[in-house]
Amino acid sequence: MTSLSLYGLGDKVTTTVELKVHLTQDLDSRFRKAAMSAFGYGRGSLSKAAAEALARWCSEREGTPTPMATSAPTNETSSSFEDVEQDNYAELRRG
């Protein structure tokens, strides 16, 4: 993400870019489960989790602290994934 100032007024705008990666099916499944557990089943969950994971990975290699903007999973979020039928999970994977 890039922050920039519009018209010199100090208003911050965040732009995003698309990053395509290739993962094993096992890692994809683990990542999606963890992302939905942490951020819920709404739009943007995978992007939030990926941004957090990539920021942490870069910080570890750069030796800089990572600002944490995570949302801790709640009991409701954690248990709700267990109730998702496999067919519904497969549908989530397509999107």
Protein backbone atom coordinates (compact mmCIF):
# COMPACT_ATOMS: atom_id res chain seq x y z
CA MET A 1 0.00 0.00 0.00
CA THR A 2 1.11 3.49 -0.70
CA SER A 3 0.04 6.61 1.12
CA LEU A 4 0.06 9.89 -0.70
CA SER A 5 -1.09 13.42 -0.07
CA LEU A 6 -3.73 14.90 -2.37
CA TYR A 7 -3.43 18.49 -3.52
CA GLY A 8 -0.99 19.25 -0.71
CA LEU A 9 -3.84 19.27 1.80
CA GLY A 10 -2.47 16.41 3.85
CA ASP A 11 -5.38 14.07 3.12
CA LYS A 12 -4.06 10.52 3.05
CA VAL A 13 -5.20 8.07 0.39
CA THR A 14 -4.15 4.43 0.40
CA THR A 15 -3.73 2.69 -2.91
CA THR A 16 -3.43 -1.05 -3.23
CA VAL A 17 -1.87 -3.38 -5.78
CA GLU A 18 -2.71 -6.93 -6.75
CA LEU A 19 -0.19 -9.69 -6.04
CA LYS A 20 -0.67 -13.13 -7.54
CA VAL A 21 1.03 -16.03 -5.75
CA HIS A 22 1.09 -19.79 -6.26
CA LEU A 23 0.58 -21.95 -3.16
CA THR A 24 0.23 -25.64 -2.47
CA GLN A 25 -3.33 -26.75 -1.82
CA ASP A 26 -2.43 -27.53 1.77
CA LEU A 27 -1.00 -24.05 2.44
CA ASP A 28 -3.94 -22.42 0.65
CA SER A 29 -6.40 -24.31 2.84
CA ARG A 30 -4.50 -23.51 6.05
CA PHE A 31 -4.20 -19.83 5.12
CA ARG A 32 -7.89 -19.46 4.26
CA LYS A 33 -8.97 -21.13 7.51
CA ALA A 34 -6.64 -18.94 9.57
CA ALA A 35 -7.66 -15.76 7.72
CA MET A 36 -11.36 -16.42 8.21
CA SER A 37 -10.82 -17.33 11.82
CA ALA A 38 -8.99 -14.05 12.45
CA PHE A 39 -10.97 -11.66 10.24
CA GLY A 40 -14.32 -13.33 9.66
CA TYR A 41 -16.01 -14.50 6.49
CA GLY A 42 -16.57 -11.10 4.91
CA ARG A 43 -14.97 -9.49 1.91
CA GLY A 44 -11.34 -8.54 2.43
CA SER A 45 -10.43 -11.19 5.00
CA LEU A 46 -7.84 -12.86 2.78
CA SER A 47 -6.32 -9.52 1.80
CA LYS A 48 -6.03 -8.40 5.43
CA ALA A 49 -4.41 -11.67 6.45
CA ALA A 50 -2.04 -11.65 3.47
CA ALA A 51 -1.01 -8.04 4.11
CA GLU A 52 -0.34 -8.84 7.77
CA ALA A 53 1.65 -11.98 6.90
CA LEU A 54 3.73 -10.20 4.25
CA ALA A 55 4.41 -7.22 6.53
CA ARG A 56 5.57 -9.56 9.28
CA TRP A 57 7.76 -11.53 6.84
CA CYS A 58 9.41 -8.34 5.55
CA SER A 59 9.94 -6.97 9.06
CA GLU A 60 11.63 -10.18 10.20
CA ARG A 61 14.10 -9.91 7.34
CA GLU A 62 14.60 -6.16 7.70
CA GLY A 63 14.93 -6.27 11.48
CA THR A 64 12.16 -3.70 11.94
CA PRO A 65 9.08 -3.96 14.17
CA THR A 66 5.78 -4.79 12.49
CA PRO A 67 2.76 -2.67 13.38
CA MET A 68 0.11 -5.19 14.32
CA ALA A 69 -3.39 -4.46 13.05
CA THR A 70 -4.88 -7.84 13.73
CA SER A 71 -8.20 -8.68 15.14
CA ALA A 72 -8.00 -11.46 17.67
CA PRO A 73 -10.39 -14.32 16.93
CA THR A 74 -13.38 -14.48 19.22
CA ASN A 75 -14.98 -17.64 20.53
CA GLU A 76 -17.87 -16.98 18.14
CA THR A 77 -15.54 -16.65 15.14
CA SER A 78 -13.47 -19.69 16.06
CA SER A 79 -16.44 -21.94 16.63
CA SER A 80 -18.39 -20.71 13.61
CA PHE A 81 -15.81 -22.15 11.22
CA GLU A 82 -16.44 -25.59 12.63
CA ASP A 83 -20.09 -25.27 11.58
CA VAL A 84 -19.34 -24.43 7.94
CA GLU A 85 -20.24 -27.32 5.69
CA GLN A 86 -17.53 -28.51 3.33
CA ASP A 87 -19.65 -27.49 0.30
CA ASN A 88 -19.86 -23.92 1.60
CA TYR A 89 -16.13 -23.86 2.28
CA ALA A 90 -15.43 -24.99 -1.29
CA GLU A 91 -17.64 -22.14 -2.51
CA LEU A 92 -15.66 -19.65 -0.40
CA ARG A 93 -12.44 -20.93 -1.97
CA ARG A 94 -13.64 -20.06 -5.47
CA GLY A 95 -14.20 -16.39 -4.59
